[in-house]
Amino acid sequence: MKQFTQASLFCGAGGLDIGFERAGFKTIWANDFNADACETFRKWSSAEVICGDIGKIEAEDIPNTDVILGGFPCQGFSLSGPRKLDDSRNILYKHYVRIVNAKRPLMFIGENVKGLLTMGGGQVIDAIVEAFSDCGYDVHYKLLNAKNYEVPEDRERVIIVGFRKDLEIKKFEFPIEREFEIPLKEALKNVSAPKEGEVCMAPYSSRYMSRNRKRGWEEVSYTIPAMAKQVTLWPGSPDMVKIDKDLWEFGKGGETRRLSWREAAAIQTFPKNMEFCGDLTSIYKQIGNAVPCKLAEIIATHLYGLLANITA
């Protein structure tokens, strides 16, 4: 089996990379600004991991690879928070463009939130596509929901794929959706009951109580967020009850708690024995910011076959 090498920008804990490695790719270099995420990445990967500001990393210090991955920060594009065109996090993709332009990989992959497509009336996604096109790539993007790709989670994300123009891949179809979903009952069947310190015990805010936060055992999870206090409820919790517009209360007759970080990691399809570094808040953040490993694996398997045929 041919092995393609990859560099990973904004790598986080490595959900995207884990999926790609399962499909036959090999991460040899990675970068993130978050020190805990970098330590987590080092726990499972042999890649050189550089912790620091991507804006201060020169392209010549990054090894040449076949593929570049980059889940550039999405908070500035998110539907769940402020959406500002001048948010400093919204221009981090320009460093991704800079590095792709200098390194000339066969392919690059980006990931971002649904809000990217409507930010600035479409100006942001258009600017991203134009920037990569100008440096020699045919760019394709699509909004995918992880629940349609063997991930037990309702999680919509924009996947961006670019192929170097000399490969002449003008038409590209993303992986087809599965005709089944993985329910929480299946996803959490081998996750042990949480130990002390594995569940966020912070008070529930008015924001938290403004909508239903529980999905049942036969359903897929709500999106796993990066903020520990906003993590949704364990499916064994009593059903929440709506009492007014934008106001819910917890049901009676059982244990109500948030998902533990181990349960959140299982829903994000991280390996069962994945070791995360940092305190509880940091661990939840790393998990919530990640690309689900299974979604990444399905995309990567699809792309691997395409690259293998082209470069044979």
Protein backbone atom coordinates (compact mmCIF):
# COMPACT_ATOMS: atom_id res chain seq x y z
CA MET A 1 0.00 0.00 0.00
CA LYS A 2 1.45 3.33 -1.07
CA GLN A 3 1.87 5.86 1.72
CA PHE A 4 1.37 9.56 1.16
CA THR A 5 2.92 12.03 3.61
CA GLN A 6 1.11 14.99 5.09
CA ALA A 7 1.71 18.15 7.09
CA SER A 8 -1.05 19.37 9.39
CA LEU A 9 -1.77 23.03 10.18
CA PHE A 10 -4.04 23.95 13.12
CA CYS A 11 -3.87 20.23 13.99
CA GLY A 12 -5.51 20.35 17.42
CA ALA A 13 -5.64 16.94 19.07
CA GLY A 14 -5.47 15.30 15.65
CA GLY A 15 -8.98 14.09 14.75
CA LEU A 16 -8.44 14.88 11.07
CA ASP A 17 -4.98 13.31 11.07
CA ILE A 18 -6.08 10.14 12.85
CA GLY A 19 -8.71 9.60 10.18
CA PHE A 20 -6.23 10.18 7.38
CA GLU A 21 -3.65 7.88 8.95
CA ARG A 22 -6.24 5.10 9.14
CA ALA A 23 -6.66 5.50 5.37
CA GLY A 24 -2.95 5.16 4.58
CA PHE A 25 -1.56 8.69 4.93
CA LYS A 26 1.31 9.53 7.31
CA THR A 27 1.62 12.77 9.28
CA ILE A 28 5.25 13.87 9.48
CA TRP A 29 4.80 17.48 10.69
CA ALA A 30 2.08 19.28 12.63
CA ASN A 31 1.40 22.65 14.19
CA ASP A 32 -1.06 24.17 16.63
CA PHE A 33 -1.11 27.17 18.96
CA ASN A 34 -2.64 25.23 21.87
CA ALA A 35 0.04 23.62 24.04
CA ASP A 36 -2.26 20.93 25.46
CA ALA A 37 -3.42 19.95 21.98
CA CYS A 38 0.18 19.67 20.83
CA GLU A 39 1.02 17.39 23.78
CA THR A 40 -2.04 15.27 23.02
CA PHE A 41 -0.93 14.98 19.38
CA ARG A 42 2.53 13.84 20.45
CA LYS A 43 0.97 11.08 22.56
CA TRP A 44 -0.31 9.20 19.52
CA SER A 45 1.84 10.48 16.65
CA SER A 46 5.54 10.30 15.72
CA ALA A 47 5.25 13.54 13.74
CA GLU A 48 7.37 16.58 14.51
CA VAL A 49 4.92 18.85 16.35
CA ILE A 50 5.65 22.57 16.48
CA CYS A 51 3.64 24.51 19.05
CA GLY A 52 3.26 28.18 18.18
CA ASP A 53 1.74 30.88 16.01
CA ILE A 54 1.40 29.72 12.40
CA GLY A 55 2.00 33.32 11.31
CA LYS A 56 5.56 33.08 12.65
CA ILE A 57 6.40 29.80 10.90
CA GLU A 58 8.24 30.07 7.60
CA ALA A 59 7.21 27.76 4.78
CA GLU A 60 10.80 26.57 4.31
CA ASP A 61 10.73 25.19 7.86
CA ILE A 62 7.90 22.82 6.93
CA PRO A 63 8.89 19.60 5.11
CA ASN A 64 7.62 18.90 1.61
CA THR A 65 4.64 16.54 1.73
CA ASP A 66 2.07 15.07 -0.65
CA VAL A 67 -0.85 16.52 1.30
CA ILE A 68 -1.51 19.43 3.64
CA LEU A 69 -4.38 19.30 6.14
CA GLY A 70 -5.76 22.32 7.92
CA GLY A 71 -8.80 22.79 10.11
CA PHE A 72 -8.21 26.51 10.45
CA PRO A 73 -9.92 28.09 13.48
CA CYS A 74 -13.64 28.51 12.95
CA GLN A 75 -14.90 30.56 15.89
CA GLY A 76 -15.11 33.74 13.82
CA PHE A 77 -17.31 31.95 11.28
CA SER A 78 -19.53 30.12 13.77
CA LEU A 79 -23.31 30.41 13.78
CA SER A 80 -23.29 30.03 17.57
CA GLY A 81 -21.29 33.17 18.27
CA PRO A 82 -20.37 36.60 16.87
CA ARG A 83 -19.76 36.55 13.11
CA LYS A 84 -17.46 39.38 12.08
CA LEU A 85 -15.67 39.76 8.77
CA ASP A 86 -12.81 41.50 10.54
CA ASP A 87 -12.44 38.84 13.26
CA SER A 88 -8.70 38.13 13.42
CA ARG A 89 -9.39 34.40 13.37
CA ASN A 90 -11.06 34.73 9.97
CA ILE A 91 -7.79 35.64 8.25
CA LEU A 92 -5.83 32.65 9.52
CA TYR A 93 -6.76 30.83 6.31
CA LYS A 94 -4.36 33.22 4.55
CA HIS A 95 -1.44 31.52 6.29
CA TYR A 96 -2.80 28.21 5.03
CA VAL A 97 -2.84 29.67 1.49
CA ARG A 98 0.69 31.01 1.95
CA ILE A 99 2.04 27.63 2.95
CA VAL A 100 0.16 25.67 0.28
CA ASN A 101 1.42 28.13 -2.33
CA ALA A 102 5.00 27.65 -1.18
CA LYS A 103 4.97 23.86 -0.64
CA ARG A 104 2.87 22.84 -3.70
CA PRO A 105 1.39 19.59 -2.32
CA LEU A 106 -0.68 17.34 -4.58
CA MET A 107 -3.72 18.14 -2.50
CA PHE A 108 -4.93 20.13 0.50
CA ILE A 109 -7.94 19.62 2.76
CA GLY A 110 -9.66 22.23 4.91
CA GLU A 111 -12.54 21.99 7.38
CA ASN A 112 -14.79 24.62 8.87
CA VAL A 113 -18.21 25.31 10.30
CA LYS A 114 -21.44 25.74 8.35
CA GLY A 115 -21.39 29.49 8.99
CA LEU A 116 -18.43 29.84 6.64
CA LEU A 117 -20.80 29.50 3.67
CA THR A 118 -22.96 32.50 4.59
CA MET A 119 -20.40 34.74 6.28
CA GLY A 120 -20.44 38.14 4.62
CA GLY A 121 -23.11 37.01 2.20
CA GLY A 122 -20.74 34.38 0.82
CA GLN A 123 -17.74 36.73 0.58
CA VAL A 124 -15.54 34.65 2.88
CA ILE A 125 -15.90 31.30 1.11
CA ASP A 126 -15.53 33.02 -2.27
CA ALA A 127 -12.33 34.69 -1.08
CA ILE A 128 -10.95 31.38 0.19
CA VAL A 129 -11.70 29.56 -3.07
CA GLU A 130 -10.23 32.41 -5.14
CA ALA A 131 -7.06 32.55 -3.05
CA PHE A 132 -6.34 28.84 -3.45
CA SER A 133 -7.29 28.94 -7.12
CA ASP A 134 -4.87 31.81 -7.73
CA CYS A 135 -2.01 29.73 -6.33
CA GLY A 136 -2.74 26.83 -8.66
CA TYR A 137 -5.47 24.61 -7.22
CA ASP A 138 -8.85 23.37 -8.37
CA VAL A 139 -11.07 23.81 -5.31
CA HIS A 140 -14.19 21.88 -4.35
CA TYR A 141 -16.27 22.23 -1.19
CA LYS A 142 -19.42 20.76 0.29
CA LEU A 143 -21.40 20.89 3.52
CA LEU A 144 -21.39 17.41 5.08
CA ASN A 145 -23.20 16.14 8.16
CA ALA A 146 -21.07 13.72 10.17
CA LYS A 147 -24.14 11.65 11.11
CA ASN A 148 -24.30 10.51 7.48
CA TYR A 149 -20.76 9.14 7.67
CA GLU A 150 -20.83 6.69 10.58
CA VAL A 151 -20.42 9.34 13.28
CA PRO A 152 -23.07 9.28 16.07
CA GLU A 153 -23.40 13.05 15.98
CA ASP A 154 -25.43 15.70 14.22
CA ARG A 155 -22.49 17.84 13.12
CA GLU A 156 -22.48 19.92 9.93
CA ARG A 157 -19.11 20.99 8.61
CA VAL A 158 -17.78 22.43 5.35
CA ILE A 159 -15.08 20.27 3.79
CA ILE A 160 -12.78 21.99 1.29
CA VAL A 161 -10.58 19.92 -1.03
CA GLY A 162 -8.06 21.36 -3.47
CA PHE A 163 -6.10 19.52 -6.14
CA ARG A 164 -3.02 20.94 -7.84
CA LYS A 165 -4.14 22.03 -11.30
CA ASP A 166 -1.62 19.90 -13.19
CA LEU A 167 -3.48 16.83 -11.84
CA GLU A 168 -6.46 17.97 -13.94
CA ILE A 169 -9.13 16.97 -11.44
CA LYS A 170 -11.85 19.33 -12.58
CA LYS A 171 -14.73 17.21 -11.33
CA PHE A 172 -14.81 15.74 -7.86
CA GLU A 173 -17.55 13.93 -6.01
CA PHE A 174 -17.48 13.76 -2.22
CA PRO A 175 -18.13 10.39 -0.54
CA ILE A 176 -21.74 9.26 -0.74
CA GLU A 177 -23.87 9.41 2.38
CA ARG A 178 -24.49 6.20 4.31
CA GLU A 179 -28.04 4.91 4.50
CA PHE A 180 -27.85 4.34 8.25
CA GLU A 181 -26.96 6.24 11.42
CA ILE A 182 -25.04 5.13 14.52
CA PRO A 183 -27.20 5.75 17.63
CA LEU A 184 -25.82 6.79 20.99
CA LYS A 185 -26.65 3.36 22.40
CA GLU A 186 -24.12 1.81 20.02
CA ALA A 187 -21.56 4.60 20.32
CA LEU A 188 -21.42 4.53 24.13
CA LYS A 189 -21.90 0.82 24.83
CA ASN A 190 -18.24 0.28 25.74
CA VAL A 191 -17.66 3.56 27.58
CA SER A 192 -17.39 3.07 31.32
CA ALA A 193 -19.34 5.11 33.84
CA PRO A 194 -17.54 8.37 34.53
CA LYS A 195 -15.11 8.67 37.38
CA GLU A 196 -14.75 11.71 39.58
CA GLY A 197 -13.40 14.65 37.59
CA GLU A 198 -14.51 13.37 34.16
CA VAL A 199 -17.76 15.38 33.92
CA CYS A 200 -18.08 19.16 33.86
CA MET A 201 -19.94 20.15 37.04
CA ALA A 202 -20.25 23.89 36.34
CA PRO A 203 -23.65 25.56 36.94
CA TYR A 204 -26.10 25.49 34.04
CA SER A 205 -26.45 28.95 32.52
CA SER A 206 -29.58 30.63 31.14
CA ARG A 207 -28.09 30.04 27.70
CA TYR A 208 -27.84 26.33 28.42
CA MET A 209 -31.44 26.19 29.63
CA SER A 210 -32.78 28.07 26.58
CA ARG A 211 -33.24 24.90 24.51
CA ASN A 212 -33.43 21.14 24.72
CA ARG A 213 -30.03 19.63 25.50
CA LYS A 214 -30.85 15.93 25.47
CA ARG A 215 -30.85 13.31 22.73
CA GLY A 216 -31.98 9.76 23.55
CA TRP A 217 -30.21 6.42 23.25
CA GLU A 218 -31.74 5.67 19.84
CA GLU A 219 -30.72 9.04 18.39
CA VAL A 220 -27.45 10.62 17.35
CA SER A 221 -25.90 13.25 19.61
CA TYR A 222 -26.21 16.97 19.27
CA THR A 223 -22.96 18.60 18.12
CA ILE A 224 -20.20 18.22 20.71
CA PRO A 225 -19.14 21.81 21.53
CA ALA A 226 -15.71 23.04 22.56
CA MET A 227 -16.98 24.78 25.71
CA ALA A 228 -17.25 22.38 28.64
CA LYS A 229 -20.22 24.21 30.20
CA GLN A 230 -22.24 23.82 26.99
CA VAL A 231 -21.73 20.06 26.56
CA THR A 232 -25.08 18.36 26.15
CA LEU A 233 -26.71 15.84 28.46
CA TRP A 234 -25.95 12.17 28.87
CA PRO A 235 -28.72 10.23 27.04
CA GLY A 236 -29.71 8.47 30.26
CA SER A 237 -30.78 11.77 31.80
CA PRO A 238 -34.51 12.45 32.19
CA ASP A 239 -36.08 14.27 29.23
CA MET A 240 -36.02 18.05 29.46
CA VAL A 241 -39.36 19.88 29.63
CA LYS A 242 -40.20 23.08 27.77
CA ILE A 243 -41.91 25.57 30.07
CA ASP A 244 -41.81 28.76 27.98
CA LYS A 245 -40.25 30.27 24.87
CA ASP A 246 -36.49 29.74 25.10
CA LEU A 247 -36.86 28.25 28.57
CA TRP A 248 -36.54 24.59 29.52
CA GLU A 249 -36.10 22.72 32.77
CA PHE A 250 -34.61 19.36 33.66
CA GLY A 251 -36.91 16.36 33.98
CA LYS A 252 -37.46 14.50 37.24
CA GLY A 253 -36.77 10.96 38.36
CA GLY A 254 -33.18 10.21 37.49
CA GLU A 255 -29.61 11.45 37.14
CA THR A 256 -29.12 14.57 35.05
CA ARG A 257 -25.57 15.26 33.97
CA ARG A 258 -23.49 16.39 31.04
CA LEU A 259 -21.66 13.90 28.86
CA SER A 260 -18.31 12.96 30.35
CA TRP A 261 -15.25 13.82 28.32
CA ARG A 262 -14.79 10.12 27.53
CA GLU A 263 -18.35 9.92 26.20
CA ALA A 264 -17.78 13.07 24.15
CA ALA A 265 -14.57 11.58 22.73
CA ALA A 266 -16.39 8.36 21.79
CA ILE A 267 -19.08 10.37 20.01
CA GLN A 268 -16.35 12.22 18.13
CA THR A 269 -15.03 8.72 17.21
CA PHE A 270 -11.61 9.13 18.81
CA PRO A 271 -9.81 5.86 19.61
CA LYS A 272 -11.08 4.31 22.84
CA ASN A 273 -7.76 4.62 24.65
CA MET A 274 -6.94 8.11 23.36
CA GLU A 275 -4.97 10.06 25.97
CA PHE A 276 -5.69 13.79 26.23
CA CYS A 277 -3.46 16.31 28.00
CA GLY A 278 -4.52 19.27 30.11
CA ASP A 279 -7.28 19.97 32.62
CA LEU A 280 -10.93 19.00 32.13
CA THR A 281 -11.86 22.26 30.40
CA SER A 282 -8.96 21.86 27.98
CA ILE A 283 -9.83 18.23 27.23
CA TYR A 284 -13.44 19.08 26.39
CA LYS A 285 -12.15 21.92 24.19
CA GLN A 286 -9.79 19.64 22.26
CA ILE A 287 -12.55 17.10 21.70
CA GLY A 288 -15.14 19.67 20.67
CA ASN A 289 -12.82 21.44 18.24
CA ALA A 290 -11.84 18.22 16.46
CA VAL A 291 -12.95 16.76 13.16
CA PRO A 292 -14.64 13.42 13.94
CA CYS A 293 -12.05 10.73 13.19
CA LYS A 294 -14.52 8.50 11.32
CA LEU A 295 -15.67 11.32 9.05
CA ALA A 296 -12.03 12.11 8.30
CA GLU A 297 -11.29 8.45 7.61
CA ILE A 298 -14.14 8.11 5.11
CA ILE A 299 -13.08 11.28 3.28
CA ALA A 300 -9.43 10.20 3.37
CA THR A 301 -10.15 6.71 2.02
CA HIS A 302 -12.03 8.30 -0.87
CA LEU A 303 -9.14 10.69 -1.57
CA TYR A 304 -6.46 8.02 -1.16
CA GLY A 305 -7.91 5.94 -3.99
CA LEU A 306 -8.04 9.00 -6.23
CA LEU A 307 -4.42 9.99 -5.53
CA ALA A 308 -3.14 6.43 -5.82
CA ASN A 309 -4.66 6.11 -9.30
CA ILE A 310 -3.29 9.45 -10.47
CA THR A 311 0.24 8.88 -9.19
CA ALA A 312 0.53 5.18 -10.14
